[in-house]
Amino acid sequence: MAEILNLRMARKRRARADKEREADRNRILHGLPKAERKAASTERERALSALENHRREKTDGTRED
């Protein structure tokens, strides 16, 4: 005997799965949340600043003694 299938529930399940696939695509397209982008940018700037402060020569070629 065949299993009884509620079509309304099957449509809702399929719609939820479609929305989840679309959400996954959007997460890939739009990347990180704003807070994470800002934190990464701040960390990158801090690292560049620390590196620049430890240079022996300035970028214009003069020595700093």
N, C-alpha and C. Protein backbone atom coordinates (compact mmCIF):
# COMPACT_ATOMS: atom_id res chain seq x y z
N MET A 1 0.84 -1.17 0.00
CA MET A 1 0.00 0.00 0.00
C MET A 1 0.89 1.24 0.00
N ALA A 2 0.47 2.28 -0.68
CA ALA A 2 1.26 3.50 -0.83
C ALA A 2 1.15 4.36 0.43
N GLU A 3 2.19 5.13 0.65
CA GLU A 3 2.21 6.03 1.80
C GLU A 3 1.39 7.28 1.47
N ILE A 4 0.61 7.73 2.42
CA ILE A 4 -0.20 8.93 2.22
C ILE A 4 0.70 10.14 2.34
N LEU A 5 0.55 11.07 1.38
CA LEU A 5 1.42 12.24 1.33
C LEU A 5 0.56 13.49 1.39
N ASN A 6 0.85 14.35 2.36
CA ASN A 6 0.14 15.62 2.49
C ASN A 6 0.83 16.62 1.58
N LEU A 7 0.14 17.01 0.50
CA LEU A 7 0.74 17.89 -0.50
C LEU A 7 1.06 19.28 0.05
N ARG A 8 0.25 19.78 0.94
CA ARG A 8 0.49 21.09 1.53
C ARG A 8 1.81 21.09 2.29
N MET A 9 2.04 20.07 3.08
CA MET A 9 3.28 19.96 3.85
C MET A 9 4.47 19.75 2.92
N ALA A 10 4.29 18.99 1.86
CA ALA A 10 5.38 18.76 0.91
C ALA A 10 5.76 20.06 0.22
N ARG A 11 4.78 20.87 -0.15
CA ARG A 11 5.08 22.17 -0.78
C ARG A 11 5.82 23.08 0.19
N LYS A 12 5.38 23.10 1.43
CA LYS A 12 6.04 23.94 2.42
C LYS A 12 7.48 23.48 2.65
N ARG A 13 7.72 22.18 2.72
CA ARG A 13 9.07 21.64 2.88
C ARG A 13 9.96 22.05 1.71
N ARG A 14 9.41 21.93 0.50
CA ARG A 14 10.17 22.29 -0.69
C ARG A 14 10.47 23.79 -0.70
N ALA A 15 9.50 24.61 -0.29
CA ALA A 15 9.70 26.07 -0.26
C ALA A 15 10.77 26.44 0.77
N ARG A 16 10.77 25.78 1.93
CA ARG A 16 11.79 26.06 2.94
C ARG A 16 13.18 25.68 2.44
N ALA A 17 13.28 24.55 1.75
CA ALA A 17 14.57 24.11 1.20
C ALA A 17 15.05 25.09 0.13
N ASP A 18 14.14 25.58 -0.70
CA ASP A 18 14.51 26.56 -1.73
C ASP A 18 15.00 27.85 -1.10
N LYS A 19 14.31 28.31 -0.07
CA LYS A 19 14.73 29.55 0.61
C LYS A 19 16.09 29.37 1.26
N GLU A 20 16.36 28.20 1.83
CA GLU A 20 17.66 27.95 2.46
C GLU A 20 18.77 27.94 1.42
N ARG A 21 18.52 27.34 0.25
CA ARG A 21 19.53 27.36 -0.82
C ARG A 21 19.81 28.79 -1.27
N GLU A 22 18.76 29.59 -1.41
CA GLU A 22 18.92 30.99 -1.81
C GLU A 22 19.70 31.76 -0.74
N ALA A 23 19.43 31.49 0.53
CA ALA A 23 20.15 32.15 1.61
C ALA A 23 21.63 31.78 1.58
N ASP A 24 21.94 30.52 1.29
CA ASP A 24 23.34 30.11 1.19
C ASP A 24 24.05 30.86 0.06
N ARG A 25 23.37 31.00 -1.08
CA ARG A 25 23.95 31.74 -2.20
C ARG A 25 24.21 33.19 -1.81
N ASN A 26 23.25 33.81 -1.11
CA ASN A 26 23.41 35.20 -0.69
C ASN A 26 24.53 35.36 0.33
N ARG A 27 24.70 34.39 1.21
CA ARG A 27 25.79 34.47 2.19
C ARG A 27 27.14 34.47 1.48
N ILE A 28 27.24 33.68 0.44
CA ILE A 28 28.49 33.63 -0.33
C ILE A 28 28.69 34.94 -1.08
N LEU A 29 27.63 35.46 -1.69
CA LEU A 29 27.74 36.68 -2.49
C LEU A 29 28.06 37.90 -1.63
N HIS A 30 27.45 38.00 -0.49
CA HIS A 30 27.57 39.23 0.30
C HIS A 30 28.60 39.13 1.41
N GLY A 31 29.21 38.00 1.61
CA GLY A 31 30.36 37.87 2.50
C GLY A 31 30.05 38.03 3.97
N LEU A 32 31.00 38.66 4.65
CA LEU A 32 30.98 38.78 6.10
C LEU A 32 30.04 39.89 6.58
N PRO A 33 29.56 39.76 7.82
CA PRO A 33 28.78 40.84 8.41
C PRO A 33 29.64 42.09 8.61
N LYS A 34 29.00 43.23 8.73
CA LYS A 34 29.71 44.50 8.85
C LYS A 34 30.65 44.51 10.05
N ALA A 35 30.24 43.96 11.17
CA ALA A 35 31.08 43.95 12.37
C ALA A 35 32.37 43.16 12.13
N GLU A 36 32.27 42.02 11.44
CA GLU A 36 33.46 41.22 11.17
C GLU A 36 34.37 41.92 10.16
N ARG A 37 33.79 42.59 9.15
CA ARG A 37 34.60 43.34 8.19
C ARG A 37 35.36 44.46 8.89
N LYS A 38 34.69 45.17 9.80
CA LYS A 38 35.31 46.27 10.52
C LYS A 38 36.42 45.75 11.44
N ALA A 39 36.19 44.64 12.11
CA ALA A 39 37.20 44.06 13.00
C ALA A 39 38.42 43.63 12.20
N ALA A 40 38.21 43.01 11.05
CA ALA A 40 39.33 42.58 10.21
C ALA A 40 40.10 43.79 9.69
N SER A 41 39.39 44.84 9.30
CA SER A 41 40.04 46.05 8.80
C SER A 41 40.88 46.70 9.90
N THR A 42 40.35 46.79 11.10
CA THR A 42 41.06 47.37 12.23
C THR A 42 42.32 46.56 12.54
N GLU A 43 42.20 45.25 12.53
CA GLU A 43 43.34 44.38 12.81
C GLU A 43 44.41 44.54 11.73
N ARG A 44 43.99 44.63 10.47
CA ARG A 44 44.93 44.80 9.36
C ARG A 44 45.66 46.14 9.49
N GLU A 45 44.94 47.21 9.82
CA GLU A 45 45.56 48.53 10.00
C GLU A 45 46.53 48.52 11.17
N ARG A 46 46.19 47.85 12.25
CA ARG A 46 47.07 47.77 13.42
C ARG A 46 48.35 47.04 13.07
N ALA A 47 48.22 45.95 12.32
CA ALA A 47 49.40 45.18 11.92
C ALA A 47 50.29 46.00 10.99
N LEU A 48 49.70 46.71 10.04
CA LEU A 48 50.50 47.55 9.14
C LEU A 48 51.19 48.68 9.89
N SER A 49 50.51 49.26 10.86
CA SER A 49 51.10 50.33 11.65
C SER A 49 52.28 49.79 12.47
N ALA A 50 52.12 48.62 13.07
CA ALA A 50 53.21 48.02 13.85
C ALA A 50 54.40 47.71 12.95
N LEU A 51 54.14 47.22 11.77
CA LEU A 51 55.22 46.92 10.82
C LEU A 51 55.94 48.20 10.41
N GLU A 52 55.18 49.24 10.12
CA GLU A 52 55.77 50.52 9.71
C GLU A 52 56.61 51.12 10.84
N ASN A 53 56.18 50.97 12.07
CA ASN A 53 56.92 51.51 13.22
C ASN A 53 58.23 50.78 13.46
N HIS A 54 58.39 49.58 12.95
CA HIS A 54 59.61 48.81 13.16
C HIS A 54 60.58 48.89 11.98
N ARG A 55 60.27 49.69 10.99
CA ARG A 55 61.17 49.84 9.85
C ARG A 55 62.43 50.61 10.25
N ARG A 56 63.56 50.25 9.64
CA ARG A 56 64.80 50.97 9.89
C ARG A 56 64.92 52.18 8.99
N GLU A 57 64.38 52.08 7.79
CA GLU A 57 64.43 53.20 6.86
C GLU A 57 63.01 53.65 6.54
N LYS A 58 62.88 54.94 6.32
CA LYS A 58 61.59 55.45 5.90
C LYS A 58 61.34 55.05 4.45
N THR A 59 60.15 55.19 3.99
CA THR A 59 59.82 54.79 2.62
C THR A 59 60.44 55.70 1.57
N ASP A 60 60.87 56.93 1.96
CA ASP A 60 61.49 57.82 0.99
C ASP A 60 62.99 57.58 0.86
N GLY A 61 63.55 56.61 1.57
CA GLY A 61 64.95 56.23 1.43
C GLY A 61 65.87 56.80 2.48
N THR A 62 65.39 57.72 3.33
CA THR A 62 66.24 58.29 4.38
C THR A 62 66.28 57.36 5.58
N ARG A 63 67.41 57.39 6.27
CA ARG A 63 67.56 56.57 7.47
C ARG A 63 67.06 57.32 8.69
N GLU A 64 66.51 56.61 9.60
CA GLU A 64 66.06 57.20 10.85
C GLU A 64 67.01 56.72 11.92
N ASP A 65 67.76 57.63 12.52
CA ASP A 65 68.74 57.24 13.56
C ASP A 65 68.33 57.66 14.92
